Amino acid sequence: FFFIFCTMSDTSVSLTSRVILSQVIGRICFPQNHASLVCRFKNRDIADCEDEIEEKLECQSEVIEAFADKPEFLNYRRCLEREEFDFAKCVQEKETLHDYIQTTDYRYQ
């Protein structure tokens, strides 16, 4: 489902980062993601949705940039990449990142 709506401009936001921060992005960027999906369902031509797609990607980029240089995020990302995304092998790193997220403006309410 997700890959149907992926465009070349989506590559500017790392897929790995999107996976790691998907819950945060889903909550924080919900309005932008929703608007982009609705537009794509209503329009055959992706060019008709450039504004919505750009807003979605900007929101995702802002969330990812907030974590990009944080050791908790980097450690989890490196673990997943090293372990070929075997999530079971990176549980401690995930918990550390989750704990860190709870100290930020992006915490789960």
C-alpha atoms as a PDB file:
ATOM      1  CA  PHE A   1       0.000   0.000   0.000  1.00  0.00           C
ATOM      2  CA  PHE A   2       2.658   2.534   1.016  1.00  0.00           C
ATOM      3  CA  PHE A   3       4.866   1.931  -1.987  1.00  0.00           C
ATOM      4  CA  ILE A   4       2.042   2.746  -4.406  1.00  0.00           C
ATOM      5  CA  PHE A   5       2.307   6.371  -3.358  1.00  0.00           C
ATOM      6  CA  CYS A   6       6.098   6.619  -3.203  1.00  0.00           C
ATOM      7  CA  THR A   7       7.625   9.073  -5.651  1.00  0.00           C
ATOM      8  CA  MET A   8      11.193   9.958  -6.469  1.00  0.00           C
ATOM      9  CA  SER A   9      10.946  12.957  -4.140  1.00  0.00           C
ATOM     10  CA  ASP A  10      10.160  10.564  -1.272  1.00  0.00           C
ATOM     11  CA  THR A  11      13.742   9.318  -1.355  1.00  0.00           C
ATOM     12  CA  SER A  12      14.884  12.526   0.341  1.00  0.00           C
ATOM     13  CA  VAL A  13      13.483  11.087   3.566  1.00  0.00           C
ATOM     14  CA  SER A  14      15.270   7.857   4.422  1.00  0.00           C
ATOM     15  CA  LEU A  15      13.056   4.786   4.390  1.00  0.00           C
ATOM     16  CA  THR A  16      15.018   3.404   7.357  1.00  0.00           C
ATOM     17  CA  SER A  17      14.279   6.544   9.349  1.00  0.00           C
ATOM     18  CA  ARG A  18      10.616   6.378   8.391  1.00  0.00           C
ATOM     19  CA  VAL A  19      10.409   2.797   9.641  1.00  0.00           C
ATOM     20  CA  ILE A  20      12.102   3.614  12.936  1.00  0.00           C
ATOM     21  CA  LEU A  21      10.035   6.735  13.572  1.00  0.00           C
ATOM     22  CA  SER A  22       6.811   5.557  11.920  1.00  0.00           C
ATOM     23  CA  GLN A  23       4.689   5.879  15.057  1.00  0.00           C
ATOM     24  CA  VAL A  24       5.936   9.395  15.731  1.00  0.00           C
ATOM     25  CA  ILE A  25       5.540  10.433  12.097  1.00  0.00           C
ATOM     26  CA  GLY A  26       2.083   8.866  11.988  1.00  0.00           C
ATOM     27  CA  ARG A  27       0.923  10.926  14.956  1.00  0.00           C
ATOM     28  CA  ILE A  28       2.693  14.196  14.250  1.00  0.00           C
ATOM     29  CA  CYS A  29       2.199  14.245  10.474  1.00  0.00           C
ATOM     30  CA  PHE A  30      -1.295  12.749  10.383  1.00  0.00           C
ATOM     31  CA  PRO A  31      -2.977  15.804   8.806  1.00  0.00           C
ATOM     32  CA  GLN A  32      -0.347  16.043   6.056  1.00  0.00           C
ATOM     33  CA  ASN A  33      -0.315  12.273   5.407  1.00  0.00           C
ATOM     34  CA  HIS A  34      -4.110  12.218   5.265  1.00  0.00           C
ATOM     35  CA  ALA A  35      -4.305  15.177   2.885  1.00  0.00           C
ATOM     36  CA  SER A  36      -1.741  13.572   0.594  1.00  0.00           C
ATOM     37  CA  LEU A  37      -3.590  10.249   0.510  1.00  0.00           C
ATOM     38  CA  VAL A  38      -6.979  11.873  -0.079  1.00  0.00           C
ATOM     39  CA  CYS A  39      -5.543  13.917  -2.921  1.00  0.00           C
ATOM     40  CA  ARG A  40      -3.963  10.852  -4.517  1.00  0.00           C
ATOM     41  CA  PHE A  41      -7.236   8.927  -4.297  1.00  0.00           C
ATOM     42  CA  LYS A  42      -9.129  11.804  -5.926  1.00  0.00           C
ATOM     43  CA  ASN A  43      -6.599  12.576  -8.681  1.00  0.00           C
ATOM     44  CA  ARG A  44      -5.067  10.348 -11.299  1.00  0.00           C
ATOM     45  CA  ASP A  45      -2.252  12.762 -12.023  1.00  0.00           C
ATOM     46  CA  ILE A  46       0.298  12.932  -9.210  1.00  0.00           C
ATOM     47  CA  ALA A  47       1.151  16.482 -10.320  1.00  0.00           C
ATOM     48  CA  ASP A  48      -2.238  17.571  -8.958  1.00  0.00           C
ATOM     49  CA  CYS A  49      -1.018  16.614  -5.478  1.00  0.00           C
ATOM     50  CA  GLU A  50       2.422  18.193  -5.453  1.00  0.00           C
ATOM     51  CA  ASP A  51       1.561  20.625  -2.639  1.00  0.00           C
ATOM     52  CA  GLU A  52       0.103  17.908  -0.414  1.00  0.00           C
ATOM     53  CA  ILE A  53       3.019  15.572  -1.064  1.00  0.00           C
ATOM     54  CA  GLU A  54       5.523  18.339  -0.361  1.00  0.00           C
ATOM     55  CA  GLU A  55       3.818  19.189   2.950  1.00  0.00           C
ATOM     56  CA  LYS A  56       3.848  15.493   3.908  1.00  0.00           C
ATOM     57  CA  LEU A  57       7.544  15.161   3.141  1.00  0.00           C
ATOM     58  CA  GLU A  58       8.402  18.398   4.947  1.00  0.00           C
ATOM     59  CA  CYS A  59       6.652  17.175   8.088  1.00  0.00           C
ATOM     60  CA  GLN A  60       8.386  13.789   7.904  1.00  0.00           C
ATOM     61  CA  SER A  61      11.732  15.492   7.350  1.00  0.00           C
ATOM     62  CA  GLU A  62      11.220  17.774  10.360  1.00  0.00           C
ATOM     63  CA  VAL A  63      10.498  14.801  12.625  1.00  0.00           C
ATOM     64  CA  ILE A  64      13.470  12.835  11.318  1.00  0.00           C
ATOM     65  CA  GLU A  65      15.794  15.840  11.576  1.00  0.00           C
ATOM     66  CA  ALA A  66      14.822  16.203  15.229  1.00  0.00           C
ATOM     67  CA  PHE A  67      16.270  12.736  15.873  1.00  0.00           C
ATOM     68  CA  ALA A  68      18.942  12.413  13.169  1.00  0.00           C
ATOM     69  CA  ASP A  69      21.914  13.223  15.383  1.00  0.00           C
ATOM     70  CA  LYS A  70      20.643  11.707  18.642  1.00  0.00           C
ATOM     71  CA  PRO A  71      22.682   8.742  19.898  1.00  0.00           C
ATOM     72  CA  GLU A  72      19.537   6.812  20.856  1.00  0.00           C
ATOM     73  CA  PHE A  73      18.214   7.038  17.304  1.00  0.00           C
ATOM     74  CA  LEU A  74      21.568   6.370  15.671  1.00  0.00           C
ATOM     75  CA  ASN A  75      22.238   3.308  17.830  1.00  0.00           C
ATOM     76  CA  TYR A  76      18.857   1.781  16.979  1.00  0.00           C
ATOM     77  CA  ARG A  77      19.276   2.570  13.293  1.00  0.00           C
ATOM     78  CA  ARG A  78      22.778   1.066  13.183  1.00  0.00           C
ATOM     79  CA  CYS A  79      21.583  -2.035  15.016  1.00  0.00           C
ATOM     80  CA  LEU A  80      18.713  -2.570  12.575  1.00  0.00           C
ATOM     81  CA  GLU A  81      20.945  -2.064   9.569  1.00  0.00           C
ATOM     82  CA  ARG A  82      23.636  -4.345  11.015  1.00  0.00           C
ATOM     83  CA  GLU A  83      21.074  -7.047  11.848  1.00  0.00           C
ATOM     84  CA  GLU A  84      19.281  -6.705   8.501  1.00  0.00           C
ATOM     85  CA  PHE A  85      16.147  -5.410  10.210  1.00  0.00           C
ATOM     86  CA  ASP A  86      15.751  -8.364  12.534  1.00  0.00           C
ATOM     87  CA  PHE A  87      13.865  -6.286  15.093  1.00  0.00           C
ATOM     88  CA  ALA A  88      14.146  -8.981  17.757  1.00  0.00           C
ATOM     89  CA  LYS A  89      17.917  -8.421  17.873  1.00  0.00           C
ATOM     90  CA  CYS A  90      17.570  -4.696  18.608  1.00  0.00           C
ATOM     91  CA  VAL A  91      15.046  -4.675  21.447  1.00  0.00           C
ATOM     92  CA  GLN A  92      17.322  -2.888  23.916  1.00  0.00           C
ATOM     93  CA  GLU A  93      18.143  -0.152  21.407  1.00  0.00           C
ATOM     94  CA  LYS A  94      14.437   0.264  20.622  1.00  0.00           C
ATOM     95  CA  GLU A  95      13.577   0.608  24.312  1.00  0.00           C
ATOM     96  CA  THR A  96      16.343   3.187  24.754  1.00  0.00           C
ATOM     97  CA  LEU A  97      14.984   5.199  21.810  1.00  0.00           C
ATOM     98  CA  HIS A  98      11.426   4.911  23.135  1.00  0.00           C
ATOM     99  CA  ASP A  99      12.550   6.183  26.533  1.00  0.00           C
ATOM    100  CA  TYR A 100      14.324   9.092  24.851  1.00  0.00           C
ATOM    101  CA  ILE A 101      11.259   9.960  22.746  1.00  0.00           C
ATOM    102  CA  GLN A 102       9.293  10.254  25.985  1.00  0.00           C
ATOM    103  CA  THR A 103      11.582  13.117  27.043  1.00  0.00           C
ATOM    104  CA  THR A 104      10.928  15.122  23.857  1.00  0.00           C
ATOM    105  CA  ASP A 105       8.050  17.157  22.427  1.00  0.00           C
ATOM    106  CA  TYR A 106       7.228  14.041  20.379  1.00  0.00           C
ATOM    107  CA  ARG A 107       6.405  11.916  23.445  1.00  0.00           C
ATOM    108  CA  TYR A 108       3.391   9.651  23.374  1.00  0.00           C
ATOM    109  CA  GLN A 109       0.527  11.326  25.199  1.00  0.00           C
END
